[in-house]
């Protein structure tokens, strides 16, 4: 196979760490942004926890659709 390369292109090594790393970066930035706005610790906790709230509601409906 003349066109086959045994190692991945360098662009994969450059772009790979940024593929899903932005979500972890937001987990770090959102509390800092809340602190800069003067929010209390409870408000910052609600802000960080709200990120998974949509998954809770959509998860119930997706399971119901799969079971039918």
N, C-alpha and C. Protein backbone atom coordinates (compact mmCIF):
# COMPACT_ATOMS: atom_id res chain seq x y z
N UNK A 1 0.84 -1.17 0.00
CA UNK A 1 0.00 0.00 0.00
C UNK A 1 0.89 1.24 0.00
N UNK A 2 1.06 1.84 -1.11
CA UNK A 2 1.98 2.96 -1.20
C UNK A 2 1.49 4.24 -0.53
N UNK A 3 0.17 4.46 -0.38
CA UNK A 3 -0.35 5.70 0.18
C UNK A 3 -0.56 5.65 1.68
N UNK A 4 -0.25 4.55 2.33
CA UNK A 4 -0.51 4.39 3.75
C UNK A 4 0.66 4.92 4.57
N UNK A 5 0.34 5.78 5.56
CA UNK A 5 1.38 6.28 6.46
C UNK A 5 1.20 5.61 7.82
N UNK A 6 2.28 5.24 8.45
CA UNK A 6 2.19 4.50 9.70
C UNK A 6 1.99 5.41 10.91
N UNK A 7 2.25 6.69 10.81
CA UNK A 7 2.05 7.58 11.95
C UNK A 7 1.05 8.67 11.59
N UNK A 8 0.29 9.14 12.57
CA UNK A 8 -0.72 10.18 12.29
C UNK A 8 -0.06 11.50 11.94
N UNK A 9 -0.76 12.35 11.22
CA UNK A 9 -0.19 13.65 10.86
C UNK A 9 0.00 14.53 12.10
N UNK A 10 0.91 15.47 11.99
CA UNK A 10 1.23 16.34 13.13
C UNK A 10 0.05 17.21 13.53
N UNK A 11 -0.87 17.49 12.62
CA UNK A 11 -2.02 18.33 12.96
C UNK A 11 -2.90 17.66 14.02
N UNK A 12 -2.95 16.33 14.04
CA UNK A 12 -3.72 15.63 15.07
C UNK A 12 -3.11 15.85 16.45
N UNK A 13 -1.81 15.87 16.51
CA UNK A 13 -1.15 16.11 17.79
C UNK A 13 -1.35 17.54 18.27
N UNK A 14 -1.49 18.46 17.35
CA UNK A 14 -1.68 19.86 17.72
C UNK A 14 -3.14 20.11 18.13
N UNK A 15 -4.10 19.57 17.38
CA UNK A 15 -5.52 19.84 17.63
C UNK A 15 -6.13 18.94 18.69
N UNK A 16 -5.55 17.79 18.94
CA UNK A 16 -6.11 16.82 19.88
C UNK A 16 -6.35 17.33 21.28
N UNK A 17 -5.38 17.98 21.90
CA UNK A 17 -5.61 18.45 23.28
C UNK A 17 -6.71 19.49 23.41
N UNK A 18 -7.04 20.17 22.33
CA UNK A 18 -8.07 21.21 22.39
C UNK A 18 -9.46 20.68 22.04
N UNK A 19 -9.60 19.41 21.74
CA UNK A 19 -10.87 18.87 21.27
C UNK A 19 -11.96 19.01 22.33
N UNK A 20 -11.76 18.48 23.51
CA UNK A 20 -12.75 18.60 24.58
C UNK A 20 -12.19 19.33 25.79
N UNK A 21 -11.01 19.87 25.67
CA UNK A 21 -10.39 20.56 26.79
C UNK A 21 -11.06 21.86 27.16
N UNK A 22 -11.83 22.42 26.26
CA UNK A 22 -12.48 23.70 26.56
C UNK A 22 -13.51 23.55 27.66
N UNK A 23 -14.15 22.39 27.80
CA UNK A 23 -15.14 22.23 28.87
C UNK A 23 -14.47 22.24 30.23
N UNK A 24 -13.32 21.61 30.34
CA UNK A 24 -12.60 21.65 31.61
C UNK A 24 -12.10 23.06 31.90
N UNK A 25 -11.76 23.79 30.87
CA UNK A 25 -11.31 25.16 31.05
C UNK A 25 -12.45 26.03 31.54
N UNK A 26 -13.67 25.79 31.05
CA UNK A 26 -14.83 26.55 31.51
C UNK A 26 -15.13 26.24 32.97
N UNK A 27 -14.92 24.99 33.39
CA UNK A 27 -15.13 24.64 34.79
C UNK A 27 -14.21 25.44 35.70
N UNK A 28 -13.09 25.85 35.19
CA UNK A 28 -12.16 26.67 35.94
C UNK A 28 -12.52 28.16 35.85
N UNK A 29 -12.99 28.60 34.69
CA UNK A 29 -13.26 30.03 34.49
C UNK A 29 -14.57 30.51 35.08
N UNK A 30 -15.60 29.69 35.07
CA UNK A 30 -16.92 30.12 35.53
C UNK A 30 -16.90 30.53 37.01
N UNK A 31 -16.30 29.76 37.92
CA UNK A 31 -16.25 30.25 39.31
C UNK A 31 -15.44 31.53 39.46
N UNK A 32 -14.38 31.68 38.70
CA UNK A 32 -13.60 32.92 38.77
C UNK A 32 -14.40 34.11 38.28
N UNK A 33 -15.19 33.90 37.25
CA UNK A 33 -16.05 34.96 36.74
C UNK A 33 -17.11 35.33 37.77
N UNK A 34 -17.66 34.31 38.43
CA UNK A 34 -18.64 34.56 39.49
C UNK A 34 -18.04 35.35 40.64
N UNK A 35 -16.80 35.03 41.00
CA UNK A 35 -16.12 35.79 42.05
C UNK A 35 -15.91 37.25 41.64
N UNK A 36 -15.57 37.46 40.37
CA UNK A 36 -15.35 38.83 39.91
C UNK A 36 -16.65 39.64 39.89
N UNK A 37 -17.80 38.95 39.80
CA UNK A 37 -19.09 39.64 39.85
C UNK A 37 -19.57 39.85 41.28
N UNK A 38 -18.86 39.28 42.26
CA UNK A 38 -19.23 39.44 43.65
C UNK A 38 -20.25 38.42 44.14
N UNK A 39 -20.34 37.28 43.51
CA UNK A 39 -21.29 36.25 43.92
C UNK A 39 -20.81 35.55 45.19
N UNK A 40 -21.76 35.01 45.95
CA UNK A 40 -21.41 34.24 47.14
C UNK A 40 -21.03 32.82 46.73
N UNK A 41 -20.53 32.06 47.70
CA UNK A 41 -20.10 30.68 47.40
C UNK A 41 -21.28 29.82 46.97
N UNK A 42 -22.44 30.02 47.57
CA UNK A 42 -23.63 29.26 47.19
C UNK A 42 -24.08 29.57 45.77
N UNK A 43 -24.01 30.83 45.40
CA UNK A 43 -24.40 31.22 44.04
C UNK A 43 -23.42 30.64 43.01
N UNK A 44 -22.15 30.63 43.35
CA UNK A 44 -21.17 30.06 42.43
C UNK A 44 -21.38 28.56 42.29
N UNK A 45 -21.74 27.90 43.40
CA UNK A 45 -22.04 26.47 43.34
C UNK A 45 -23.23 26.18 42.46
N UNK A 46 -24.26 27.02 42.54
CA UNK A 46 -25.43 26.85 41.67
C UNK A 46 -25.06 27.10 40.21
N UNK A 47 -24.20 28.06 39.98
CA UNK A 47 -23.76 28.38 38.62
C UNK A 47 -23.00 27.22 38.00
N UNK A 48 -22.11 26.61 38.78
CA UNK A 48 -21.32 25.48 38.27
C UNK A 48 -22.21 24.25 38.12
N UNK A 49 -23.13 24.03 39.05
CA UNK A 49 -24.01 22.86 39.00
C UNK A 49 -25.06 22.96 37.91
N UNK A 50 -25.39 24.16 37.48
CA UNK A 50 -26.42 24.34 36.45
C UNK A 50 -25.98 23.76 35.12
N UNK A 51 -24.72 23.54 34.95
CA UNK A 51 -24.22 22.98 33.69
C UNK A 51 -24.73 21.57 33.45
N UNK A 52 -24.97 20.81 34.53
CA UNK A 52 -25.46 19.44 34.37
C UNK A 52 -26.97 19.34 34.48
N UNK A 53 -27.64 20.44 34.72
CA UNK A 53 -29.09 20.43 34.88
C UNK A 53 -29.81 20.01 33.59
N UNK A 54 -29.34 20.47 32.47
CA UNK A 54 -29.95 20.12 31.20
C UNK A 54 -29.81 18.62 30.92
N UNK A 55 -28.69 18.05 31.28
CA UNK A 55 -28.49 16.61 31.07
C UNK A 55 -29.45 15.79 31.92
N UNK A 56 -29.79 16.27 33.10
CA UNK A 56 -30.74 15.56 33.96
C UNK A 56 -32.11 15.50 33.30
N UNK A 57 -32.58 16.61 32.78
CA UNK A 57 -33.91 16.63 32.17
C UNK A 57 -33.94 15.90 30.83
N UNK A 58 -32.92 16.05 30.03
CA UNK A 58 -32.91 15.37 28.74
C UNK A 58 -32.63 13.88 28.88
N UNK A 59 -31.93 13.49 29.91
CA UNK A 59 -31.63 12.07 30.13
C UNK A 59 -32.88 11.26 30.37
N UNK A 60 -33.82 11.80 31.11
CA UNK A 60 -35.06 11.09 31.41
C UNK A 60 -35.86 10.85 30.13
N UNK A 61 -35.94 11.85 29.28
CA UNK A 61 -36.72 11.70 28.06
C UNK A 61 -36.02 10.79 27.05
N UNK A 62 -34.71 10.81 27.03
CA UNK A 62 -34.02 9.94 26.06
C UNK A 62 -34.14 8.48 26.47
N UNK A 63 -34.13 8.19 27.77
CA UNK A 63 -34.30 6.80 28.21
C UNK A 63 -35.70 6.33 27.92
N UNK A 64 -36.68 7.19 28.10
CA UNK A 64 -38.06 6.81 27.81
C UNK A 64 -38.22 6.47 26.33
N UNK A 65 -37.54 7.20 25.46
CA UNK A 65 -37.64 6.93 24.03
C UNK A 65 -36.94 5.64 23.63
N UNK A 66 -35.88 5.28 24.33
CA UNK A 66 -35.15 4.07 24.01
C UNK A 66 -35.93 2.83 24.46
N UNK A 67 -36.63 2.94 25.56
CA UNK A 67 -37.36 1.78 26.12
C UNK A 67 -38.60 1.43 25.33
N UNK A 68 -39.04 2.28 24.47
CA UNK A 68 -40.27 1.97 23.71
C UNK A 68 -39.98 1.07 22.56
